[in-house]
C-alpha cells in the first residue's frame, strides 16, 4: 500500500483493522515522529516490507533495531533487511496482498478536507482585504466632501467675483489630489514661469 508524502502522524490502527493481510507498506514522507506510533502495525502479521524514508522517526537513535524489535514479522525496513542486505527488486515492486481501495479513499478524503480548510482560510483573507478596500474608498470620499466645502468659500473674492489667483490655487490642489508625482513637476514649471516674469 502506497501512502507516502501525506500528513500521516498516527492512526495506523485503522490499517490493521481494515487491511489485516497487508504485506508491503510505504509511509515515506509522512509526519511519524515516534516508534510508538508504529505499534498498531504489530497486528499486521503478514507485513514483510515497511518504508519510512523522510519521516522524523528515522532520525532516532537505534531506529532500525527498534523497528525490527517492535515488528518481528518485518523482513525489510526501508528496502534493507536486518543484515543491511538490499531487498530484491521483485519484493520492492510487489503490490500488497489484500490492498483495499477503501483505505486509499479515506486518505484521499483527508487530503481533500485539508485542502478545503486551506481554501476557506484564503476566502476569509480575501473578504478581509475587500472590507479594507471598501473602508479606504469611503474615507477618500469623505475627504473630498470636506475639501469641497472649503473650496466654495475661497472661490468668491472681493465684490463676489471669482479671483483668478484663487482659481489657479484650486487647480493646483485638484492636481495634487489626482497625482502626487505631478505636483512636483508642476512646481518646477511654476518656478520657471515666475523667473520669466
Foldseek 3Di string as FASTA:
>chain_A
DEDEQAADAAPCLVCCVQFLQWAEYEHANYAHAALVRCLSCLSNLNHAEYEHHNYNLVVDPPSVVSNCVSRVSYQYYNQAGPVRDGDDPCVVPDGTPRDDVVVVVVRVVVVVVVVVVVVVVVVVVVVVVVVVVVVVVVVVVVVVVVVVVVLVVQQQDPPRHGDPVSVVVVVLVVVCVVDVVVNVVVVVVVVVVVVVD
